[in-house]
Amino acid sequence: MGDTWSALADPTRRAILHLLRHQNRTAGDIAGHFAMTKPSISHHLGILRQAGLVTAQKKGQQVEYALNTTVFQEILGFIAQLTEGEKEA
């Protein structure tokens, strides 16, 4: 889960996740929302993929990115366990 927390620590990566909330997007579409180079966006997407926060699926000549909600459910479960432990103490 260490990769997950590191990935979430960056504001650009959190903004990318926010963009993917409602629909899957290509890297080019995501890059259009930021004032940075496409290679920089690709780097951020790679970190998000490595952390398991997004999935990538090739669609023709483009790669479409989507949220991996399973990881977010695991994170919420982890946080819920921490909260439950505090109530018992």
PDB file of N, CA and C in Angstrom:
ATOM      1  N   MET A   1       0.822  -1.196   0.000  1.00  0.00           N
ATOM      2  CA  MET A   1       0.000   0.000   0.000  1.00  0.00           C
ATOM      3  C   MET A   1       0.866   1.259   0.000  1.00  0.00           C
ATOM      4  N   GLY A   2       2.182   1.096   0.168  1.00  0.00           N
ATOM      5  CA  GLY A   2       3.085   2.241   0.177  1.00  0.00           C
ATOM      6  C   GLY A   2       3.078   3.014  -1.125  1.00  0.00           C
ATOM      7  N   ASP A   3       3.033   2.287  -2.258  1.00  0.00           N
ATOM      8  CA  ASP A   3       2.970   2.959  -3.560  1.00  0.00           C
ATOM      9  C   ASP A   3       1.698   3.792  -3.682  1.00  0.00           C
ATOM     10  N   THR A   4       0.628   3.293  -3.096  1.00  0.00           N
ATOM     11  CA  THR A   4      -0.656   3.992  -3.161  1.00  0.00           C
ATOM     12  C   THR A   4      -0.570   5.340  -2.468  1.00  0.00           C
ATOM     13  N   TRP A   5      -0.041   5.334  -1.249  1.00  0.00           N
ATOM     14  CA  TRP A   5       0.051   6.593  -0.496  1.00  0.00           C
ATOM     15  C   TRP A   5       0.994   7.574  -1.182  1.00  0.00           C
ATOM     16  N   SER A   6       2.106   7.078  -1.724  1.00  0.00           N
ATOM     17  CA  SER A   6       3.038   7.963  -2.434  1.00  0.00           C
ATOM     18  C   SER A   6       2.373   8.576  -3.662  1.00  0.00           C
ATOM     19  N   ALA A   7       1.613   7.764  -4.378  1.00  0.00           N
ATOM     20  CA  ALA A   7       0.925   8.270  -5.575  1.00  0.00           C
ATOM     21  C   ALA A   7      -0.101   9.330  -5.203  1.00  0.00           C
ATOM     22  N   LEU A   8      -0.808   9.113  -4.117  1.00  0.00           N
ATOM     23  CA  LEU A   8      -1.843  10.065  -3.692  1.00  0.00           C
ATOM     24  C   LEU A   8      -1.271  11.351  -3.106  1.00  0.00           C
ATOM     25  N   ALA A   9      -0.003  11.335  -2.744  1.00  0.00           N
ATOM     26  CA  ALA A   9       0.606  12.513  -2.121  1.00  0.00           C
ATOM     27  C   ALA A   9       0.794  13.670  -3.101  1.00  0.00           C
ATOM     28  N   ASP A  10       0.807  13.378  -4.382  1.00  0.00           N
ATOM     29  CA  ASP A  10       1.073  14.413  -5.387  1.00  0.00           C
ATOM     30  C   ASP A  10      -0.223  15.078  -5.860  1.00  0.00           C
ATOM     31  N   PRO A  11      -0.295  16.407  -5.837  1.00  0.00           N
ATOM     32  CA  PRO A  11      -1.529  17.097  -6.244  1.00  0.00           C
ATOM     33  C   PRO A  11      -1.899  16.887  -7.713  1.00  0.00           C
ATOM     34  N   THR A  12      -0.921  16.755  -8.596  1.00  0.00           N
ATOM     35  CA  THR A  12      -1.239  16.510 -10.007  1.00  0.00           C
ATOM     36  C   THR A  12      -1.900  15.151 -10.171  1.00  0.00           C
ATOM     37  N   ARG A  13      -1.376  14.146  -9.487  1.00  0.00           N
ATOM     38  CA  ARG A  13      -1.970  12.811  -9.590  1.00  0.00           C
ATOM     39  C   ARG A  13      -3.365  12.779  -8.982  1.00  0.00           C
ATOM     40  N   ARG A  14      -3.581  13.519  -7.907  1.00  0.00           N
ATOM     41  CA  ARG A  14      -4.938  13.594  -7.339  1.00  0.00           C
ATOM     42  C   ARG A  14      -5.886  14.276  -8.328  1.00  0.00           C
ATOM     43  N   ALA A  15      -5.395  15.283  -9.042  1.00  0.00           N
ATOM     44  CA  ALA A  15      -6.231  15.965 -10.044  1.00  0.00           C
ATOM     45  C   ALA A  15      -6.555  15.013 -11.204  1.00  0.00           C
ATOM     46  N   ILE A  16      -5.607  14.187 -11.603  1.00  0.00           N
ATOM     47  CA  ILE A  16      -5.872  13.205 -12.657  1.00  0.00           C
ATOM     48  C   ILE A  16      -6.953  12.231 -12.193  1.00  0.00           C
ATOM     49  N   LEU A  17      -6.863  11.757 -10.971  1.00  0.00           N
ATOM     50  CA  LEU A  17      -7.885  10.851 -10.437  1.00  0.00           C
ATOM     51  C   LEU A  17      -9.250  11.524 -10.420  1.00  0.00           C
ATOM     52  N   HIS A  18      -9.254  12.791 -10.081  1.00  0.00           N
ATOM     53  CA  HIS A  18     -10.516  13.551 -10.064  1.00  0.00           C
ATOM     54  C   HIS A  18     -11.125  13.593 -11.470  1.00  0.00           C
ATOM     55  N   LEU A  19     -10.289  13.778 -12.490  1.00  0.00           N
ATOM     56  CA  LEU A  19     -10.776  13.793 -13.874  1.00  0.00           C
ATOM     57  C   LEU A  19     -11.387  12.454 -14.271  1.00  0.00           C
ATOM     58  N   LEU A  20     -10.832  11.376 -13.750  1.00  0.00           N
ATOM     59  CA  LEU A  20     -11.291  10.039 -14.122  1.00  0.00           C
ATOM     60  C   LEU A  20     -12.515   9.577 -13.333  1.00  0.00           C
ATOM     61  N   ARG A  21     -12.984  10.396 -12.419  1.00  0.00           N
ATOM     62  CA  ARG A  21     -14.147  10.029 -11.596  1.00  0.00           C
ATOM     63  C   ARG A  21     -15.367   9.665 -12.417  1.00  0.00           C
ATOM     64  N   HIS A  22     -15.665  10.457 -13.423  1.00  0.00           N
ATOM     65  CA  HIS A  22     -16.917  10.309 -14.158  1.00  0.00           C
ATOM     66  C   HIS A  22     -16.780   9.585 -15.490  1.00  0.00           C
ATOM     67  N   GLN A  23     -15.564   9.569 -16.050  1.00  0.00           N
ATOM     68  CA  GLN A  23     -15.404   8.880 -17.334  1.00  0.00           C
ATOM     69  C   GLN A  23     -13.950   8.506 -17.553  1.00  0.00           C
ATOM     70  N   ASN A  24     -13.766   7.470 -18.337  1.00  0.00           N
ATOM     71  CA  ASN A  24     -12.431   7.057 -18.748  1.00  0.00           C
ATOM     72  C   ASN A  24     -11.902   8.078 -19.744  1.00  0.00           C
ATOM     73  N   ARG A  25     -10.585   8.249 -19.766  1.00  0.00           N
ATOM     74  CA  ARG A  25      -9.979   9.244 -20.653  1.00  0.00           C
ATOM     75  C   ARG A  25      -8.660   8.735 -21.211  1.00  0.00           C
ATOM     76  N   THR A  26      -8.300   9.274 -22.367  1.00  0.00           N
ATOM     77  CA  THR A  26      -6.998   8.969 -22.946  1.00  0.00           C
ATOM     78  C   THR A  26      -5.952   9.891 -22.318  1.00  0.00           C
ATOM     79  N   ALA A  27      -4.687   9.518 -22.498  1.00  0.00           N
ATOM     80  CA  ALA A  27      -3.603  10.350 -21.968  1.00  0.00           C
ATOM     81  C   ALA A  27      -3.634  11.746 -22.588  1.00  0.00           C
ATOM     82  N   GLY A  28      -3.920  11.825 -23.882  1.00  0.00           N
ATOM     83  CA  GLY A  28      -3.996  13.128 -24.552  1.00  0.00           C
ATOM     84  C   GLY A  28      -5.091  14.000 -23.989  1.00  0.00           C
ATOM     85  N   ASP A  29      -6.241  13.398 -23.705  1.00  0.00           N
ATOM     86  CA  ASP A  29      -7.349  14.139 -23.106  1.00  0.00           C
ATOM     87  C   ASP A  29      -6.967  14.641 -21.714  1.00  0.00           C
ATOM     88  N   ILE A  30      -6.330  13.774 -20.945  1.00  0.00           N
ATOM     89  CA  ILE A  30      -5.897  14.158 -19.593  1.00  0.00           C
ATOM     90  C   ILE A  30      -4.882  15.289 -19.684  1.00  0.00           C
ATOM     91  N   ALA A  31      -3.927  15.168 -20.591  1.00  0.00           N
ATOM     92  CA  ALA A  31      -2.886  16.194 -20.740  1.00  0.00           C
ATOM     93  C   ALA A  31      -3.473  17.552 -21.092  1.00  0.00           C
ATOM     94  N   GLY A  32      -4.592  17.561 -21.819  1.00  0.00           N
ATOM     95  CA  GLY A  32      -5.227  18.823 -22.191  1.00  0.00           C
ATOM     96  C   GLY A  32      -5.746  19.634 -21.019  1.00  0.00           C
ATOM     97  N   HIS A  33      -5.835  19.023 -19.852  1.00  0.00           N
ATOM     98  CA  HIS A  33      -6.326  19.706 -18.659  1.00  0.00           C
ATOM     99  C   HIS A  33      -5.202  20.287 -17.799  1.00  0.00           C
ATOM    100  N   PHE A  34      -3.956  20.103 -18.228  1.00  0.00           N
ATOM    101  CA  PHE A  34      -2.817  20.532 -17.416  1.00  0.00           C
ATOM    102  C   PHE A  34      -1.842  21.353 -18.242  1.00  0.00           C
ATOM    103  N   ALA A  35      -1.161  22.260 -17.568  1.00  0.00           N
ATOM    104  CA  ALA A  35      -0.138  23.087 -18.219  1.00  0.00           C
ATOM    105  C   ALA A  35       1.224  22.418 -18.019  1.00  0.00           C
ATOM    106  N   MET A  36       1.347  21.197 -18.554  1.00  0.00           N
ATOM    107  CA  MET A  36       2.621  20.486 -18.494  1.00  0.00           C
ATOM    108  C   MET A  36       2.736  19.608 -19.728  1.00  0.00           C
ATOM    109  N   THR A  37       3.916  19.097 -19.953  1.00  0.00           N
ATOM    110  CA  THR A  37       4.151  18.309 -21.160  1.00  0.00           C
ATOM    111  C   THR A  37       3.457  16.952 -21.085  1.00  0.00           C
ATOM    112  N   LYS A  38       3.213  16.378 -22.261  1.00  0.00           N
ATOM    113  CA  LYS A  38       2.610  15.047 -22.315  1.00  0.00           C
ATOM    114  C   LYS A  38       3.504  13.988 -21.664  1.00  0.00           C
ATOM    115  N   PRO A  39       4.847  14.080 -21.831  1.00  0.00           N
ATOM    116  CA  PRO A  39       5.680  13.102 -21.125  1.00  0.00           C
ATOM    117  C   PRO A  39       5.545  13.198 -19.604  1.00  0.00           C
ATOM    118  N   SER A  40       5.333  14.397 -19.081  1.00  0.00           N
ATOM    119  CA  SER A  40       5.133  14.550 -17.635  1.00  0.00           C
ATOM    120  C   SER A  40       3.830  13.888 -17.201  1.00  0.00           C
ATOM    121  N   ILE A  41       2.781  14.071 -17.995  1.00  0.00           N
ATOM    122  CA  ILE A  41       1.502  13.422 -17.689  1.00  0.00           C
ATOM    123  C   ILE A  41       1.659  11.908 -17.769  1.00  0.00           C
ATOM    124  N   SER A  42       2.372  11.422 -18.769  1.00  0.00           N
ATOM    125  CA  SER A  42       2.609   9.982 -18.897  1.00  0.00           C
ATOM    126  C   SER A  42       3.351   9.440 -17.675  1.00  0.00           C
ATOM    127  N   HIS A  43       4.295  10.212 -17.171  1.00  0.00           N
ATOM    128  CA  HIS A  43       5.023   9.811 -15.962  1.00  0.00           C
ATOM    129  C   HIS A  43       4.057   9.672 -14.780  1.00  0.00           C
ATOM    130  N   HIS A  44       3.195  10.650 -14.597  1.00  0.00           N
ATOM    131  CA  HIS A  44       2.212  10.600 -13.510  1.00  0.00           C
ATOM    132  C   HIS A  44       1.256   9.408 -13.689  1.00  0.00           C
ATOM    133  N   LEU A  45       0.824   9.170 -14.925  1.00  0.00           N
ATOM    134  CA  LEU A  45      -0.060   8.039 -15.189  1.00  0.00           C
ATOM    135  C   LEU A  45       0.642   6.714 -14.891  1.00  0.00           C
ATOM    136  N   GLY A  46       1.928   6.643 -15.188  1.00  0.00           N
ATOM    137  CA  GLY A  46       2.700   5.441 -14.879  1.00  0.00           C
ATOM    138  C   GLY A  46       2.758   5.169 -13.387  1.00  0.00           C
ATOM    139  N   ILE A  47       2.929   6.212 -12.605  1.00  0.00           N
ATOM    140  CA  ILE A  47       2.958   6.066 -11.149  1.00  0.00           C
ATOM    141  C   ILE A  47       1.591   5.622 -10.637  1.00  0.00           C
ATOM    142  N   LEU A  48       0.536   6.202 -11.180  1.00  0.00           N
ATOM    143  CA  LEU A  48      -0.821   5.809 -10.777  1.00  0.00           C
ATOM    144  C   LEU A  48      -1.101   4.354 -11.155  1.00  0.00           C
ATOM    145  N   ARG A  49      -0.613   3.917 -12.306  1.00  0.00           N
ATOM    146  CA  ARG A  49      -0.785   2.517 -12.716  1.00  0.00           C
ATOM    147  C   ARG A  49      -0.003   1.591 -11.795  1.00  0.00           C
ATOM    148  N   GLN A  50       1.227   1.963 -11.501  1.00  0.00           N
ATOM    149  CA  GLN A  50       2.068   1.131 -10.639  1.00  0.00           C
ATOM    150  C   GLN A  50       1.437   0.977  -9.252  1.00  0.00           C
ATOM    151  N   ALA A  51       0.790   2.021  -8.777  1.00  0.00           N
ATOM    152  CA  ALA A  51       0.127   1.981  -7.474  1.00  0.00           C
ATOM    153  C   ALA A  51      -1.207   1.252  -7.535  1.00  0.00           C
ATOM    154  N   GLY A  52      -1.657   0.938  -8.740  1.00  0.00           N
ATOM    155  CA  GLY A  52      -2.925   0.234  -8.896  1.00  0.00           C
ATOM    156  C   GLY A  52      -4.147   1.128  -8.823  1.00  0.00           C
ATOM    157  N   LEU A  53      -3.943   2.437  -8.861  1.00  0.00           N
ATOM    158  CA  LEU A  53      -5.058   3.372  -8.746  1.00  0.00           C
ATOM    159  C   LEU A  53      -5.812   3.564 -10.053  1.00  0.00           C
ATOM    160  N   VAL A  54      -5.133   3.317 -11.171  1.00  0.00           N
ATOM    161  CA  VAL A  54      -5.789   3.389 -12.470  1.00  0.00           C
ATOM    162  C   VAL A  54      -5.443   2.145 -13.276  1.00  0.00           C
ATOM    163  N   THR A  55      -6.313   1.840 -14.215  1.00  0.00           N
ATOM    164  CA  THR A  55      -6.053   0.777 -15.176  1.00  0.00           C
ATOM    165  C   THR A  55      -5.895   1.409 -16.544  1.00  0.00           C
ATOM    166  N   ALA A  56      -5.227   0.706 -17.428  1.00  0.00           N
ATOM    167  CA  ALA A  56      -5.015   1.198 -18.789  1.00  0.00           C
ATOM    168  C   ALA A  56      -5.414   0.104 -19.762  1.00  0.00           C
ATOM    169  N   GLN A  57      -6.204   0.484 -20.751  1.00  0.00           N
ATOM    170  CA  GLN A  57      -6.645  -0.475 -21.757  1.00  0.00           C
ATOM    171  C   GLN A  57      -6.438   0.135 -23.134  1.00  0.00           C
ATOM    172  N   LYS A  58      -5.762  -0.613 -23.992  1.00  0.00           N
ATOM    173  CA  LYS A  58      -5.513  -0.125 -25.344  1.00  0.00           C
ATOM    174  C   LYS A  58      -6.807  -0.174 -26.149  1.00  0.00           C
ATOM    175  N   LYS A  59      -7.148   0.960 -26.750  1.00  0.00           N
ATOM    176  CA  LYS A  59      -8.332   1.077 -27.612  1.00  0.00           C
ATOM    177  C   LYS A  59      -7.844   1.620 -28.946  1.00  0.00           C
ATOM    178  N   GLY A  60      -7.636   0.730 -29.888  1.00  0.00           N
ATOM    179  CA  GLY A  60      -7.069   1.153 -31.163  1.00  0.00           C
ATOM    180  C   GLY A  60      -5.633   1.586 -30.962  1.00  0.00           C
ATOM    181  N   GLN A  61      -5.327   2.824 -31.338  1.00  0.00           N
ATOM    182  CA  GLN A  61      -3.970   3.332 -31.174  1.00  0.00           C
ATOM    183  C   GLN A  61      -3.797   4.140 -29.890  1.00  0.00           C
ATOM    184  N   GLN A  62      -4.848   4.260 -29.114  1.00  0.00           N
ATOM    185  CA  GLN A  62      -4.780   5.042 -27.884  1.00  0.00           C
ATOM    186  C   GLN A  62      -4.936   4.139 -26.665  1.00  0.00           C
ATOM    187  N   VAL A  63      -4.498   4.642 -25.542  1.00  0.00           N
ATOM    188  CA  VAL A  63      -4.666   3.942 -24.279  1.00  0.00           C
ATOM    189  C   VAL A  63      -5.680   4.721 -23.461  1.00  0.00           C
ATOM    190  N   GLU A  64      -6.683   4.025 -22.971  1.00  0.00           N
ATOM    191  CA  GLU A  64      -7.727   4.657 -22.172  1.00  0.00           C
ATOM    192  C   GLU A  64      -7.495   4.313 -20.702  1.00  0.00           C
ATOM    193  N   TYR A  65      -7.530   5.335 -19.868  1.00  0.00           N
ATOM    194  CA  TYR A  65      -7.294   5.176 -18.431  1.00  0.00           C
ATOM    195  C   TYR A  65      -8.614   5.247 -17.674  1.00  0.00           C
ATOM    196  N   ALA A  66      -8.713   4.432 -16.622  1.00  0.00           N
ATOM    197  CA  ALA A  66      -9.919   4.387 -15.792  1.00  0.00           C
ATOM    198  C   ALA A  66      -9.505   4.217 -14.339  1.00  0.00           C
ATOM    199  N   LEU A  67     -10.355   4.679 -13.437  1.00  0.00           N
ATOM    200  CA  LEU A  67     -10.111   4.460 -12.006  1.00  0.00           C
ATOM    201  C   LEU A  67     -10.225   2.980 -11.688  1.00  0.00           C
ATOM    202  N   ASN A  68      -9.382   2.521 -10.793  1.00  0.00           N
ATOM    203  CA  ASN A  68      -9.485   1.164 -10.276  1.00  0.00           C
ATOM    204  C   ASN A  68     -10.153   1.275  -8.909  1.00  0.00           C
ATOM    205  N   THR A  69     -11.451   1.161  -8.894  1.00  0.00           N
ATOM    206  CA  THR A  69     -12.206   1.407  -7.656  1.00  0.00           C
ATOM    207  C   THR A  69     -11.912   0.375  -6.573  1.00  0.00           C
ATOM    208  N   THR A  70     -11.430  -0.801  -6.948  1.00  0.00           N
ATOM    209  CA  THR A  70     -11.102  -1.825  -5.956  1.00  0.00           C
ATOM    210  C   THR A  70     -10.054  -1.317  -4.973  1.00  0.00           C
ATOM    211  N   VAL A  71      -9.042  -0.630  -5.470  1.00  0.00           N
ATOM    212  CA  VAL A  71      -7.994  -0.102  -4.593  1.00  0.00           C
ATOM    213  C   VAL A  71      -8.561   0.953  -3.652  1.00  0.00           C
ATOM    214  N   PHE A  72      -9.456   1.780  -4.148  1.00  0.00           N
ATOM    215  CA  PHE A  72     -10.057   2.799  -3.300  1.00  0.00           C
ATOM    216  C   PHE A  72     -10.914   2.165  -2.202  1.00  0.00           C
ATOM    217  N   GLN A  73     -11.580   1.070  -2.518  1.00  0.00           N
ATOM    218  CA  GLN A  73     -12.358   0.356  -1.506  1.00  0.00           C
ATOM    219  C   GLN A  73     -11.428  -0.216  -0.434  1.00  0.00           C
ATOM    220  N   GLU A  74     -10.270  -0.725  -0.853  1.00  0.00           N
ATOM    221  CA  GLU A  74      -9.291  -1.231   0.113  1.00  0.00           C
ATOM    222  C   GLU A  74      -8.787  -0.114   1.019  1.00  0.00           C
ATOM    223  N   ILE A  75      -8.524   1.049   0.440  1.00  0.00           N
ATOM    224  CA  ILE A  75      -8.053   2.193   1.233  1.00  0.00           C
ATOM    225  C   ILE A  75      -9.114   2.596   2.254  1.00  0.00           C
ATOM    226  N   LEU A  76     -10.365   2.688   1.807  1.00  0.00           N
ATOM    227  CA  LEU A  76     -11.446   3.059   2.733  1.00  0.00           C
ATOM    228  C   LEU A  76     -11.602   2.019   3.831  1.00  0.00           C
ATOM    229  N   GLY A  77     -11.457   0.741   3.494  1.00  0.00           N
ATOM    230  CA  GLY A  77     -11.529  -0.315   4.494  1.00  0.00           C
ATOM    231  C   GLY A  77     -10.412  -0.180   5.519  1.00  0.00           C
ATOM    232  N   PHE A  78      -9.213   0.148   5.053  1.00  0.00           N
ATOM    233  CA  PHE A  78      -8.081   0.340   5.944  1.00  0.00           C
ATOM    234  C   PHE A  78      -8.331   1.507   6.893  1.00  0.00           C
ATOM    235  N   ILE A  79      -8.811   2.615   6.359  1.00  0.00           N
ATOM    236  CA  ILE A  79      -9.095   3.795   7.186  1.00  0.00           C
ATOM    237  C   ILE A  79     -10.216   3.490   8.180  1.00  0.00           C
ATOM    238  N   ALA A  80     -11.227   2.749   7.736  1.00  0.00           N
ATOM    239  CA  ALA A  80     -12.324   2.381   8.633  1.00  0.00           C
ATOM    240  C   ALA A  80     -11.811   1.525   9.789  1.00  0.00           C
ATOM    241  N   GLN A  81     -10.892   0.622   9.517  1.00  0.00           N
ATOM    242  CA  GLN A  81     -10.313  -0.208  10.579  1.00  0.00           C
ATOM    243  C   GLN A  81      -9.553   0.645  11.581  1.00  0.00           C
ATOM    244  N   LEU A  82      -8.846   1.648  11.087  1.00  0.00           N
ATOM    245  CA  LEU A  82      -8.120   2.539  12.002  1.00  0.00           C
ATOM    246  C   LEU A  82      -9.090   3.292  12.900  1.00  0.00           C
ATOM    247  N   THR A  83     -10.179   3.733  12.324  1.00  0.00           N
ATOM    248  CA  THR A  83     -11.180   4.477  13.086  1.00  0.00           C
ATOM    249  C   THR A  83     -11.848   3.579  14.121  1.00  0.00           C
ATOM    250  N   GLU A  84     -12.162   2.350  13.752  1.00  0.00           N
ATOM    251  CA  GLU A  84     -12.783   1.415  14.691  1.00  0.00           C
ATOM    252  C   GLU A  84     -11.859   1.138  15.860  1.00  0.00           C
ATOM    253  N   GLY A  85     -10.577   1.029  15.609  1.00  0.00           N
ATOM    254  CA  GLY A  85      -9.604   0.786  16.667  1.00  0.00           C
ATOM    255  C   GLY A  85      -9.583   1.922  17.679  1.00  0.00           C
ATOM    256  N   GLU A  86      -9.763   3.141  17.223  1.00  0.00           N
ATOM    257  CA  GLU A  86      -9.779   4.292  18.132  1.00  0.00           C
ATOM    258  C   GLU A  86     -11.001   4.286  19.009  1.00  0.00           C
ATOM    259  N   LYS A  87     -12.136   3.827  18.501  1.00  0.00           N
ATOM    260  CA  LYS A  87     -13.368   3.799  19.287  1.00  0.00           C
ATOM    261  C   LYS A  87     -13.278   2.758  20.399  1.00  0.00           C
ATOM    262  N   GLU A  88     -12.549   1.661  20.151  1.00  0.00           N
ATOM    263  CA  GLU A  88     -12.435   0.594  21.142  1.00  0.00           C
ATOM    264  C   GLU A  88     -11.440   0.951  22.241  1.00  0.00           C
ATOM    265  N   ALA A  89     -10.474   1.792  21.942  1.00  0.00           N
ATOM    266  CA  ALA A  89      -9.421   2.112  22.907  1.00  0.00           C
ATOM    267  C   ALA A  89      -9.906   2.942  24.053  1.00  0.00           C
TER     268      ALA A  89
END
